[in-house]
Amino acid sequence: MTHWWADALVYQVYVRSFADSDGNGIGDLDGITEHLDHIAALGADALWLNPCYPSPQHDHGYDVSDYTAIHDEYGTLDTFDRLVAEAKARGMAVVMDVVPNHCSSEHPWFLAALAAAPGSPERARFYFRDGRGPGGTEPPNNWMAAFGGPAWTRVDDDPDDGQWYLGTFTPHQPDFDHTNPDVQQLFADALRFWFDRGVEGFRVDAITPVGKHPELPDQPPIDHAVRELGATWENPHLAWREEGNDVWRRWREVLVEYEREHPDRDLVLVGEAYAVGRPDLLTRFTRPDQFRQLFAFDLMLAPWNQRNLVQALRDPLGALDASGVAPAWTLNNHDVQRVVTRLGRADAHLPERWTNSAIDGTDAPVDVALGTRRARAAAALAFALPGSLYLYQGEELGLPEVLDLPDDRREDPVFALTDGAVIGRDGCRVPLPWTADPSTSYGFSPAAPGGVAAPWLPQPDGWGEYALETQLDLPDSMLQLYGELSSARREHALPQGLRATVVDIDDRLVAFVRGDLVVVLNPTAEPVALDPAHDALAGARPILSSAPGEMHTPTVVPADTTVWLIR
């Protein structure tokens, strides 16, 4: 059986920043519905919605207060149903985001837990523990939060209570204890609720910390070179626990049972875990009783040099060979600085930039033109790979990261919890430019006689140069390249099947073979001549280049360029 999701092209929508239908400066579901033709024109098979559940928005939706409703700023369940129907009419599935590790501190369950006594059933749904030290004034252990600071928050100063609760990310996001039957039933019911509304799967957020050592012991000392925001993921009592695999087995049972009841459905669970350089984890979490796919972030986070890029392909492709499960690739998402900026940094090529940290960047200067050229090459590489490919809204426009947002407009909790040491993720979440008209926030909001509200994050001056309408008729624009790549993917890559092999054709180049398709990336600053006598290249002719007009001969790959050849 061929699964639609195995090699799907999926468009990620950050709801708050995609399109505002009512002029309040906040993106919403109707705004997405109004622009579905754009997503369909890119050849997308599905769209993935970032969390649109009710939430106090301390982490913009990743602090969920109700798993079976829609946040009022975004619409209603009726609005959601209309979006699903309109997407389906265009041949696109809808994939939602689900947050299993934690909920909002304003979730009814957590409010009930705060009001209940230590040892109560309400607190058993979370990780409440007595403090250490005199009067329990010290945290239960030394764990650090992923977004900065300690992972524990004290309930109150009542000497008869004084317990602490665990929040792996922030105090606003208390961790669920998935060994609790109530928690297990909560998520089983939520998955089925959305499947009943036509959702075809879920991107499962932050699977790494789901499941903890039952005794919650102190984290062992870590290497001094580990950055603050990386300490959490070096904790063997919190990260990559086998207890987490038990959770995903239960979820897979829910999915399989639903498919038995609805034989026409083909559902997917794709896990989010930063496992760069760990192909063993890719195979572990895609066992036949767990996730149907896992993100491979290796390519997204790899430095721009031949050695690291080769590894970024070989590890996930090796996991594919071992498990038969094709990875989900991506170059951008809502948690990482945009690829144009990342690859335009002066240190983008350095091996030490190889990291599992998606949040913090460097202060190295950025050459946007160079970053754009490299981003084009990276996209051409990614579109040819076997497996699904997730695009993040705006990458088809070549948007760079907005690095200079005013401090008082930053909303990412990472910025606040690190006292501004890490600027956070707001720069990749700036509302999209659809037109060149600044009076409508570059088309993000509809025109209105009295004007429109300012967008929830400020757009930079000149944002219109990246706008969709600006790029539609530009033959060499990023938008045109993405359309060309999508068409070439359907015509030349997908028919080759779900297998590819990295080949060594030159120690300066990155290359792989997928059936009759040969893809070559030159990540250097100089053109590199190909050896037409090489076995992989024999009889191959060029059909696509990420640098228009620069495929001068079939035997030369220009600098920072990817070419496709067909044999």
Protein backbone atom coordinates (compact mmCIF):
# COMPACT_ATOMS: atom_id res chain seq x y z
CA MET A 1 0.00 0.00 0.00
CA THR A 2 1.25 3.47 -0.90
CA HIS A 3 0.57 5.97 1.87
CA TRP A 4 -0.18 9.55 0.85
CA TRP A 5 1.98 10.91 3.67
CA ALA A 6 5.10 8.89 2.87
CA ASP A 7 6.22 11.32 0.15
CA ALA A 8 3.84 14.23 0.73
CA LEU A 9 4.65 17.88 0.25
CA VAL A 10 3.29 19.57 3.39
CA TYR A 11 2.91 23.31 3.91
CA GLN A 12 3.25 24.49 7.52
CA VAL A 13 0.92 27.31 8.55
CA TYR A 14 1.74 29.38 11.63
CA VAL A 15 -1.87 30.47 12.05
CA ARG A 16 -1.17 33.72 13.89
CA SER A 17 1.09 35.01 11.11
CA PHE A 18 -0.34 33.65 7.87
CA ALA A 19 -3.29 35.90 6.99
CA ASP A 20 -5.68 38.10 8.97
CA SER A 21 -9.25 38.06 7.63
CA ASP A 22 -10.86 40.61 9.97
CA GLY A 23 -8.27 43.38 10.36
CA ASN A 24 -7.38 42.83 14.03
CA GLY A 25 -3.70 42.17 13.25
CA ILE A 26 -3.85 38.47 14.13
CA GLY A 27 -3.93 35.67 11.58
CA ASP A 28 -6.92 33.33 11.68
CA LEU A 29 -8.51 30.28 10.07
CA ASP A 30 -10.61 32.28 7.61
CA GLY A 31 -7.42 33.97 6.46
CA ILE A 32 -5.97 30.55 5.67
CA THR A 33 -9.09 29.49 3.79
CA GLU A 34 -8.91 32.66 1.67
CA HIS A 35 -5.36 31.81 0.62
CA LEU A 36 -5.66 28.06 0.07
CA ASP A 37 -5.17 28.53 -3.67
CA HIS A 38 -1.65 29.78 -3.02
CA ILE A 39 -0.79 26.67 -1.02
CA ALA A 40 -2.39 24.42 -3.63
CA ALA A 41 -0.44 26.18 -6.39
CA LEU A 42 2.79 25.09 -4.71
CA GLY A 43 1.70 21.49 -5.19
CA ALA A 44 1.08 20.84 -1.51
CA ASP A 45 -0.59 17.58 -0.56
CA ALA A 46 -1.40 18.79 2.94
CA LEU A 47 -1.20 21.73 5.28
CA TRP A 48 -0.06 21.46 8.88
CA LEU A 49 -1.58 23.93 11.32
CA ASN A 50 0.41 25.06 14.32
CA PRO A 51 -1.71 24.81 17.51
CA CYS A 52 -5.00 26.67 17.14
CA TYR A 53 -6.59 25.39 20.35
CA PRO A 54 -7.74 27.71 23.16
CA SER A 55 -4.67 29.05 24.92
CA PRO A 56 -3.57 32.03 27.03
CA GLN A 57 -0.82 32.38 24.40
CA HIS A 58 2.15 32.46 26.79
CA ASP A 59 3.89 30.31 24.16
CA HIS A 60 1.51 31.09 21.32
CA GLY A 61 -0.54 27.95 21.34
CA TYR A 62 1.94 25.49 22.75
CA ASP A 63 0.32 26.09 26.12
CA VAL A 64 -3.05 24.43 25.49
CA SER A 65 -6.02 24.99 27.77
CA ASP A 66 -8.52 22.87 25.78
CA TYR A 67 -7.56 20.14 23.31
CA THR A 68 -10.96 19.91 21.60
CA ALA A 69 -11.85 23.49 20.66
CA ILE A 70 -10.56 26.45 18.61
CA HIS A 71 -8.94 29.57 20.07
CA ASP A 72 -11.40 32.45 19.79
CA GLU A 73 -8.91 34.75 18.03
CA TYR A 74 -8.66 32.20 15.22
CA GLY A 75 -12.30 31.23 14.73
CA THR A 76 -14.69 28.49 15.77
CA LEU A 77 -15.16 24.79 15.13
CA ASP A 78 -17.42 25.77 12.23
CA THR A 79 -14.60 27.91 10.83
CA PHE A 80 -12.26 24.97 11.20
CA ASP A 81 -14.67 22.58 9.48
CA ARG A 82 -14.97 25.00 6.56
CA LEU A 83 -11.17 25.14 6.23
CA VAL A 84 -10.91 21.34 6.21
CA ALA A 85 -13.64 21.07 3.56
CA GLU A 86 -12.07 23.73 1.33
CA ALA A 87 -8.62 22.14 1.65
CA LYS A 88 -10.06 18.74 0.75
CA ALA A 89 -11.77 20.25 -2.28
CA ARG A 90 -8.32 21.28 -3.48
CA GLY A 91 -6.85 17.84 -2.88
CA MET A 92 -5.11 18.73 0.37
CA ALA A 93 -5.29 17.01 3.74
CA VAL A 94 -5.14 18.88 7.04
CA VAL A 95 -2.62 17.85 9.70
CA MET A 96 -2.85 19.36 13.17
CA ASP A 97 -0.27 19.98 15.87
CA VAL A 98 -0.73 18.23 19.22
CA VAL A 99 1.19 19.04 22.39
CA PRO A 100 1.51 15.95 24.64
CA ASN A 101 4.31 16.86 27.05
CA HIS A 102 2.45 19.66 28.80
CA CYS A 103 -0.65 21.80 28.85
CA SER A 104 -1.30 25.39 29.90
CA SER A 105 -1.11 26.38 33.54
CA GLU A 106 -4.67 27.63 32.90
CA HIS A 107 -5.95 24.23 31.78
CA PRO A 108 -8.91 23.23 34.01
CA TRP A 109 -7.06 20.13 35.16
CA PHE A 110 -4.07 22.11 36.35
CA LEU A 111 -6.21 24.72 38.08
CA ALA A 112 -7.95 21.86 39.88
CA ALA A 113 -4.57 20.40 40.82
CA LEU A 114 -3.45 23.70 42.34
CA ALA A 115 -6.65 23.81 44.38
CA ALA A 116 -6.31 20.20 45.52
CA ALA A 117 -4.17 18.77 48.30
CA PRO A 118 -0.80 17.04 47.90
CA GLY A 119 -1.30 13.41 46.98
CA SER A 120 -4.69 14.07 45.37
CA PRO A 121 -5.87 12.45 42.10
CA GLU A 122 -5.85 15.92 40.53
CA ARG A 123 -2.14 16.36 41.20
CA ALA A 124 -1.35 12.82 40.06
CA ARG A 125 -1.98 13.92 36.46
CA PHE A 126 1.14 16.10 36.67
CA TYR A 127 4.55 16.00 38.36
CA PHE A 128 3.98 17.53 41.79
CA ARG A 129 6.72 16.79 44.31
CA ASP A 130 7.81 17.98 47.73
CA GLY A 131 10.72 20.39 47.78
CA ARG A 132 14.11 19.69 49.30
CA GLY A 133 15.98 21.58 51.97
CA PRO A 134 14.61 23.38 55.06
CA GLY A 135 10.86 23.76 54.73
CA GLY A 136 10.93 22.36 51.18
CA THR A 137 12.22 25.66 49.84
CA GLU A 138 14.53 24.08 47.25
CA PRO A 139 13.41 22.36 44.03
CA PRO A 140 12.93 18.57 44.08
CA ASN A 141 15.91 18.11 41.75
CA ASN A 142 18.40 20.14 39.70
CA TRP A 143 16.70 19.93 36.31
CA MET A 144 16.83 22.98 34.05
CA ALA A 145 14.06 24.21 31.76
CA ALA A 146 14.50 24.09 28.01
CA PHE A 147 13.66 27.79 27.65
CA GLY A 148 15.87 28.94 30.54
CA GLY A 149 15.87 28.82 34.33
CA PRO A 150 14.92 25.95 36.65
CA ALA A 151 12.36 23.36 35.56
CA TRP A 152 10.46 23.53 38.86
CA THR A 153 8.01 26.12 40.16
CA ARG A 154 6.82 26.24 43.78
CA VAL A 155 3.07 26.07 44.24
CA ASP A 156 2.85 28.55 47.13
CA ASP A 157 4.33 29.36 50.49
CA ASP A 158 1.83 27.33 52.53
CA PRO A 159 3.97 25.19 54.91
CA ASP A 160 1.30 22.48 54.74
CA ASP A 161 1.65 22.32 50.97
CA GLY A 162 4.70 23.99 49.45
CA GLN A 163 5.00 21.42 46.67
CA TRP A 164 6.66 22.14 43.37
CA TYR A 165 5.52 21.23 39.86
CA LEU A 166 7.61 20.34 36.82
CA GLY A 167 7.58 22.47 33.67
CA THR A 168 10.21 21.24 31.24
CA PHE A 169 9.77 24.34 29.07
CA THR A 170 8.27 27.17 31.17
CA PRO A 171 6.26 27.60 34.40
CA HIS A 172 3.23 28.25 32.17
CA GLN A 173 3.51 24.72 30.73
CA PRO A 174 3.21 22.03 33.45
CA ASP A 175 4.26 18.55 32.34
CA PHE A 176 1.70 15.75 32.14
CA ASP A 177 2.47 12.40 33.75
CA HIS A 178 1.58 9.98 30.96
CA THR A 179 1.54 6.98 33.28
CA ASN A 180 -1.72 8.40 34.63
CA PRO A 181 -4.85 6.78 33.08
CA ASP A 182 -6.69 10.12 32.96
CA VAL A 183 -3.92 11.62 30.83
CA GLN A 184 -3.90 8.62 28.53
CA GLN A 185 -7.65 8.91 28.01
CA LEU A 186 -7.47 12.68 27.47
CA PHE A 187 -5.23 12.29 24.44
CA ALA A 188 -6.99 9.22 23.06
CA ASP A 189 -10.24 11.19 23.09
CA ALA A 190 -8.61 14.30 21.59
CA LEU A 191 -7.08 12.38 18.67
CA ARG A 192 -10.40 10.75 17.86
CA PHE A 193 -12.23 14.08 18.17
CA TRP A 194 -10.15 15.64 15.42
CA PHE A 195 -10.08 12.50 13.27
CA ASP A 196 -13.89 12.68 13.33
CA ARG A 197 -13.66 16.25 11.97
CA GLY A 198 -11.59 15.13 9.00
CA VAL A 199 -8.06 15.69 10.26
CA GLU A 200 -5.70 13.20 8.60
CA GLY A 201 -2.93 13.20 11.16
CA PHE A 202 -0.86 15.02 13.72
CA ARG A 203 2.58 16.49 14.02
CA VAL A 204 3.41 15.52 17.62
CA ASP A 205 5.27 18.29 19.40
CA ALA A 206 8.38 17.83 21.57
CA ILE A 207 8.36 14.07 21.99
CA THR A 208 11.85 14.02 23.53
CA PRO A 209 10.85 14.78 27.17
CA VAL A 210 7.65 12.73 27.22
CA GLY A 211 8.27 10.04 29.83
CA LYS A 212 10.57 10.58 32.82
CA HIS A 213 12.61 8.46 35.20
CA PRO A 214 10.02 7.46 37.83
CA GLU A 215 12.23 8.65 40.70
CA LEU A 216 13.14 12.01 39.08
CA PRO A 217 16.80 11.90 40.23
CA ASP A 218 19.26 14.78 39.80
CA GLN A 219 20.75 15.31 36.37
CA PRO A 220 24.42 14.22 36.25
CA PRO A 221 27.05 16.91 35.58
CA ILE A 222 27.24 17.95 31.93
CA ASP A 223 30.06 19.14 29.74
CA HIS A 224 30.81 22.82 30.33
CA ALA A 225 30.63 23.41 26.60
CA VAL A 226 26.89 22.62 26.51
CA ARG A 227 24.93 25.84 26.10
CA GLU A 228 22.27 26.76 28.65
CA LEU A 229 19.34 25.93 26.40
CA GLY A 230 20.90 22.58 25.53
CA ALA A 231 21.28 21.32 29.11
CA THR A 232 17.76 19.90 29.25
CA TRP A 233 18.39 17.58 26.33
CA GLU A 234 21.53 16.17 27.95
CA ASN A 235 19.47 14.93 30.93
CA PRO A 236 19.25 11.11 30.73
CA HIS A 237 16.40 11.08 33.26
CA LEU A 238 14.20 13.31 31.08
CA ALA A 239 15.23 12.95 27.42
CA TRP A 240 14.76 9.95 25.13
CA ARG A 241 13.31 7.76 27.87
CA GLU A 242 11.85 4.34 27.05
CA GLU A 243 8.80 5.45 29.05
CA GLY A 244 8.10 7.78 26.15
CA ASN A 245 7.98 4.89 23.71
CA ASP A 246 5.20 3.39 25.83
CA VAL A 247 3.18 6.55 25.21
CA TRP A 248 3.58 6.36 21.43
CA ARG A 249 2.57 2.69 21.42
CA ARG A 250 -0.73 3.68 23.01
CA TRP A 251 -1.19 6.48 20.47
CA ARG A 252 -0.47 4.11 17.58
CA GLU A 253 -3.15 1.77 18.94
CA VAL A 254 -5.65 4.65 18.85
CA LEU A 255 -4.72 5.43 15.25
CA VAL A 256 -4.88 1.79 14.08
CA GLU A 257 -8.18 1.20 15.85
CA TYR A 258 -9.65 4.28 14.18
CA GLU A 259 -8.48 3.09 10.77
CA ARG A 260 -10.13 -0.28 11.37
CA GLU A 261 -13.40 1.54 12.06
CA HIS A 262 -12.89 3.80 9.02
CA PRO A 263 -11.12 1.76 6.30
CA ASP A 264 -11.10 4.72 3.92
CA ARG A 265 -8.78 6.71 6.20
CA ASP A 266 -4.96 6.72 6.05
CA LEU A 267 -3.71 8.57 9.12
CA VAL A 268 -0.25 9.73 10.14
CA LEU A 269 1.57 10.59 13.34
CA VAL A 270 4.87 12.39 12.67
CA GLY A 271 7.10 12.99 15.66
CA GLU A 272 9.17 16.10 16.35
CA ALA A 273 12.50 15.26 17.94
CA TYR A 274 15.87 16.90 17.44
CA ALA A 275 18.05 13.85 16.91
CA VAL A 276 20.80 15.21 14.66
CA GLY A 277 23.52 12.62 14.21
CA ARG A 278 21.39 9.94 15.91
CA PRO A 279 19.93 7.67 13.21
CA ASP A 280 19.36 5.06 15.94
CA LEU A 281 16.70 7.35 17.40
CA LEU A 282 15.04 7.78 14.02
CA THR A 283 14.63 4.02 13.78
CA ARG A 284 13.71 3.58 17.45
CA PHE A 285 10.76 5.95 17.28
CA THR A 286 9.51 4.62 13.94
CA ARG A 287 9.16 1.02 15.02
CA PRO A 288 6.03 -0.60 13.56
CA ASP A 289 4.10 0.13 16.76
CA GLN A 290 5.03 3.81 17.09
CA PHE A 291 5.34 6.85 14.80
CA ARG A 292 4.71 6.47 11.12
CA GLN A 293 7.27 9.20 10.43
CA LEU A 294 9.82 11.27 12.31
CA PHE A 295 11.33 14.59 11.33
CA ALA A 296 14.93 14.48 10.14
CA PHE A 297 16.32 17.88 11.15
CA ASP A 298 19.87 16.98 10.13
CA LEU A 299 19.73 18.86 6.84
CA MET A 300 18.06 21.89 8.41
CA LEU A 301 20.77 22.26 11.06
CA ALA A 302 23.86 21.13 9.15
CA PRO A 303 26.71 23.58 8.52
CA TRP A 304 27.24 24.54 4.90
CA ASN A 305 30.18 22.27 4.13
CA GLN A 306 30.56 19.02 2.23
CA ARG A 307 31.36 16.74 5.14
CA ASN A 308 28.47 17.77 7.38
CA LEU A 309 25.95 17.91 4.56
CA VAL A 310 26.90 14.40 3.46
CA GLN A 311 26.33 13.16 7.00
CA ALA A 312 23.01 15.06 7.14
CA LEU A 313 21.85 12.94 4.21
CA ARG A 314 23.50 9.62 5.05
CA ASP A 315 22.16 9.31 8.59
CA PRO A 316 18.42 9.71 7.79
CA LEU A 317 18.73 7.73 4.57
CA GLY A 318 20.48 4.97 6.53
CA ALA A 319 17.61 5.00 9.00
CA LEU A 320 15.22 4.69 6.04
CA ASP A 321 17.13 1.65 4.78
CA ALA A 322 17.01 0.09 8.25
CA SER A 323 13.35 0.72 9.04
CA GLY A 324 11.66 1.24 5.69
CA VAL A 325 10.21 4.50 7.06
CA ALA A 326 10.93 7.55 4.94
CA PRO A 327 11.81 10.63 7.01
CA ALA A 328 10.08 13.99 7.05
CA TRP A 329 12.58 16.61 5.83
CA THR A 330 12.46 20.35 6.34
CA LEU A 331 14.67 23.42 6.00
CA ASN A 332 12.60 25.79 8.15
CA ASN A 333 10.03 25.83 10.89
CA HIS A 334 8.59 28.13 13.54
CA ASP A 335 11.39 27.32 16.02
CA VAL A 336 14.51 28.10 14.00
CA GLN A 337 15.91 31.14 12.24
CA ARG A 338 15.01 31.18 8.57
CA VAL A 339 17.35 29.37 6.19
CA VAL A 340 18.22 32.51 4.20
CA THR A 341 19.68 34.06 7.33
CA ARG A 342 21.25 30.89 8.72
CA LEU A 343 23.09 30.11 5.51
CA GLY A 344 24.03 33.74 4.94
CA ARG A 345 25.99 33.99 8.19
CA ALA A 346 29.75 34.30 7.95
CA ASP A 347 30.10 31.20 10.15
CA ALA A 348 27.52 29.04 8.34
CA HIS A 349 30.20 26.67 7.06
CA LEU A 350 31.94 25.99 10.36
CA PRO A 351 31.68 22.39 11.66
CA GLU A 352 31.10 23.63 15.20
CA ARG A 353 27.77 25.09 14.02
CA TRP A 354 26.50 21.48 13.92
CA THR A 355 24.04 21.52 16.79
CA ASN A 356 20.76 20.11 18.04
CA SER A 357 19.71 23.54 19.30
CA ALA A 358 17.07 24.99 17.02
CA ILE A 359 16.57 28.19 18.99
CA ASP A 360 19.77 30.15 19.38
CA GLY A 361 21.76 31.56 16.48
CA THR A 362 25.07 33.41 16.39
CA ASP A 363 26.01 37.07 16.05
CA ALA A 364 28.01 36.52 12.87
CA PRO A 365 27.20 39.04 10.11
CA VAL A 366 24.64 37.99 7.50
CA ASP A 367 25.01 38.27 3.73
CA VAL A 368 21.37 37.98 2.60
CA ALA A 369 22.26 37.61 -1.08
CA LEU A 370 24.62 34.74 -0.33
CA GLY A 371 22.10 33.21 2.06
CA THR A 372 19.42 33.40 -0.64
CA ARG A 373 21.63 31.65 -3.16
CA ARG A 374 22.46 28.91 -0.67
CA ALA A 375 18.82 28.61 0.40
CA ARG A 376 17.87 28.03 -3.24
CA ALA A 377 20.49 25.29 -3.45
CA ALA A 378 19.31 23.70 -0.19
CA ALA A 379 15.71 23.71 -1.41
CA ALA A 380 16.68 22.06 -4.69
CA LEU A 381 18.47 19.35 -2.68
CA ALA A 382 15.54 18.81 -0.29
CA PHE A 383 12.85 18.61 -2.98
CA ALA A 384 14.63 15.64 -4.56
CA LEU A 385 14.94 13.52 -1.39
CA PRO A 386 12.76 10.47 -0.71
CA GLY A 387 10.23 11.02 2.05
CA SER A 388 7.90 13.88 2.88
CA LEU A 389 9.00 17.51 2.72
CA TYR A 390 7.61 20.17 5.04
CA LEU A 391 7.72 23.78 3.88
CA TYR A 392 7.35 26.61 6.39
CA GLN A 393 5.18 29.53 5.33
CA GLY A 394 7.22 32.28 3.70
CA GLU A 395 10.21 30.21 2.71
CA GLU A 396 8.78 30.10 -0.82
CA LEU A 397 9.11 33.90 -0.73
CA GLY A 398 12.73 33.78 0.37
CA LEU A 399 11.99 35.61 3.62
CA PRO A 400 15.01 36.30 5.83
CA GLU A 401 14.88 36.28 9.62
CA VAL A 402 13.79 39.59 11.15
CA LEU A 403 16.60 40.09 13.64
CA ASP A 404 15.96 43.65 14.81
CA LEU A 405 12.51 43.45 16.41
CA PRO A 406 12.21 45.91 19.31
CA ASP A 407 12.70 44.26 22.67
CA ASP A 408 9.32 45.47 23.88
CA ARG A 409 7.59 43.73 20.97
CA ARG A 410 9.21 40.34 21.43
CA GLU A 411 6.75 37.74 22.70
CA ASP A 412 8.74 34.50 22.72
CA PRO A 413 9.15 33.29 26.35
CA VAL A 414 12.73 32.31 25.50
CA PHE A 415 13.65 35.99 25.30
CA ALA A 416 12.17 36.77 28.73
CA LEU A 417 13.44 33.64 30.50
CA THR A 418 17.03 34.21 29.31
CA ASP A 419 16.88 37.94 30.17
CA GLY A 420 17.35 38.74 26.50
CA ALA A 421 20.50 36.66 26.09
CA VAL A 422 18.68 34.63 23.42
CA ILE A 423 16.47 36.70 21.12
CA GLY A 424 14.12 33.79 20.58
CA ARG A 425 11.92 32.73 17.70
CA ASP A 426 9.80 35.78 16.94
CA GLY A 427 11.92 36.70 13.92
CA CYS A 428 10.69 33.74 11.88
CA ARG A 429 7.07 34.36 12.91
CA VAL A 430 6.63 37.88 11.53
CA PRO A 431 3.34 38.08 9.54
CA LEU A 432 3.62 37.29 5.85
CA PRO A 433 3.72 39.92 3.09
CA TRP A 434 1.12 39.24 0.43
CA THR A 435 1.22 42.60 -1.36
CA ALA A 436 3.49 45.64 -1.58
CA ASP A 437 0.94 47.85 0.24
CA PRO A 438 2.16 48.83 3.73
CA SER A 439 -1.25 50.33 4.61
CA THR A 440 -2.68 46.81 4.89
CA SER A 441 0.39 45.39 6.62
CA TYR A 442 1.60 44.29 3.19
CA GLY A 443 -1.66 42.50 2.51
CA PHE A 444 -1.62 40.54 5.76
CA SER A 445 -4.85 42.31 6.81
CA PRO A 446 -7.80 43.39 4.64
CA ALA A 447 -8.21 47.01 3.65
CA ALA A 448 -10.68 48.94 5.81
CA PRO A 449 -11.94 52.57 5.75
CA GLY A 450 -10.61 53.27 9.23
CA GLY A 451 -7.36 51.43 8.67
CA VAL A 452 -6.29 48.10 10.14
CA ALA A 453 -4.79 47.13 13.45
CA ALA A 454 -1.03 46.79 13.58
CA PRO A 455 0.11 43.19 13.13
CA TRP A 456 0.83 41.30 16.34
CA LEU A 457 4.54 41.36 15.43
CA PRO A 458 5.89 44.36 13.48
CA GLN A 459 6.88 43.87 9.86
CA PRO A 460 10.10 45.54 8.71
CA ASP A 461 10.14 48.41 6.25
CA GLY A 462 10.37 47.16 2.69
CA TRP A 463 8.76 43.81 3.55
CA GLY A 464 6.79 44.21 0.33
CA GLU A 465 9.82 43.38 -1.79
CA TYR A 466 9.30 39.77 -0.73
CA ALA A 467 5.52 39.83 -1.23
CA LEU A 468 3.71 37.17 -3.18
CA GLU A 469 2.31 39.65 -5.72
CA THR A 470 5.81 41.10 -6.22
CA GLN A 471 7.30 37.72 -7.09
CA LEU A 472 4.54 36.25 -9.25
CA ASP A 473 5.92 37.63 -12.51
CA LEU A 474 9.63 37.55 -11.68
CA PRO A 475 11.16 34.62 -13.58
CA ASP A 476 14.09 34.18 -11.19
CA SER A 477 12.23 34.72 -7.92
CA MET A 478 12.26 32.26 -5.03
CA LEU A 479 8.53 31.72 -5.60
CA GLN A 480 9.12 30.70 -9.19
CA LEU A 481 11.90 28.33 -8.11
CA TYR A 482 9.62 26.62 -5.58
CA GLY A 483 6.97 26.13 -8.25
CA GLU A 484 9.58 24.67 -10.60
CA LEU A 485 10.94 22.38 -7.88
CA SER A 486 7.50 21.15 -6.95
CA SER A 487 6.73 20.24 -10.56
CA ALA A 488 10.13 18.60 -11.02
CA ARG A 489 9.63 16.64 -7.81
CA ARG A 490 6.39 15.15 -9.13
CA GLU A 491 7.78 14.45 -12.58
CA HIS A 492 11.32 13.27 -11.88
CA ALA A 493 11.77 12.44 -8.17
CA LEU A 494 8.61 10.76 -6.90
CA PRO A 495 8.53 8.12 -9.67
CA GLN A 496 11.96 6.92 -8.51
CA GLY A 497 10.58 5.38 -5.31
CA LEU A 498 11.49 5.83 -1.64
CA ARG A 499 15.17 5.02 -1.80
CA ALA A 500 18.32 7.06 -2.43
CA THR A 501 22.04 6.49 -2.07
CA VAL A 502 24.68 9.08 -1.24
CA VAL A 503 27.56 8.78 -3.70
CA ASP A 504 31.10 10.10 -3.63
CA ILE A 505 31.81 11.84 -6.90
CA ASP A 506 34.16 14.59 -5.62
CA ASP A 507 35.40 15.53 -2.16
CA ARG A 508 33.96 19.03 -2.64
CA LEU A 509 30.48 17.97 -3.68
CA VAL A 510 27.39 16.44 -2.08
CA ALA A 511 25.56 13.97 -4.32
CA PHE A 512 22.94 11.28 -4.19
CA VAL A 513 21.29 8.96 -6.68
CA ARG A 514 17.57 8.21 -6.60
CA GLY A 515 16.80 5.78 -9.38
CA ASP A 516 17.58 7.59 -12.64
CA LEU A 517 17.83 10.96 -10.88
CA VAL A 518 21.23 12.31 -9.83
CA VAL A 519 21.36 15.37 -7.58
CA VAL A 520 24.58 17.28 -6.99
CA LEU A 521 25.19 20.18 -4.61
CA ASN A 522 28.31 22.33 -4.72
CA PRO A 523 28.54 24.04 -1.30
CA THR A 524 31.82 25.76 -2.14
CA ALA A 525 32.53 29.27 -3.42
CA GLU A 526 34.00 28.08 -6.73
CA PRO A 527 32.58 26.16 -9.72
CA VAL A 528 33.41 22.45 -9.70
CA ALA A 529 33.77 20.36 -12.85
CA LEU A 530 32.07 16.96 -12.90
CA ASP A 531 33.68 13.82 -14.21
CA PRO A 532 31.26 12.55 -16.87
CA ALA A 533 32.99 9.17 -16.75
CA HIS A 534 31.93 8.59 -13.14
CA ASP A 535 29.52 5.66 -12.91
CA ALA A 536 26.81 7.79 -11.31
CA LEU A 537 27.05 10.43 -14.02
CA ALA A 538 27.41 8.30 -17.13
CA GLY A 539 24.90 9.46 -19.70
CA ALA A 540 23.32 11.98 -17.33
CA ARG A 541 21.95 15.25 -18.68
CA PRO A 542 21.09 18.35 -16.62
CA ILE A 543 17.40 19.19 -16.20
CA LEU A 544 17.36 21.76 -13.37
CA SER A 545 19.62 24.22 -11.60
CA SER A 546 18.98 26.26 -8.46
CA ALA A 547 20.95 29.11 -10.05
CA PRO A 548 19.08 30.13 -13.22
CA GLY A 549 21.26 30.54 -16.28
CA GLU A 550 24.38 29.24 -14.57
CA MET A 551 24.31 25.62 -15.68
CA HIS A 552 26.82 26.60 -18.38
CA THR A 553 27.71 23.06 -19.40
CA PRO A 554 26.59 19.59 -18.34
CA THR A 555 29.93 19.14 -16.61
CA VAL A 556 30.18 22.16 -14.29
CA VAL A 557 28.28 22.87 -11.08
CA PRO A 558 28.41 26.58 -10.17
CA ALA A 559 29.24 27.75 -6.65
CA ASP A 560 26.55 27.29 -3.98
CA THR A 561 24.30 25.56 -6.46
CA THR A 562 22.36 22.32 -6.78
CA VAL A 563 21.75 20.64 -10.12
CA TRP A 564 19.49 17.75 -11.08
CA LEU A 565 20.58 15.36 -13.81
CA ILE A 566 18.59 12.50 -15.34
CA ARG A 567 20.18 9.33 -16.69
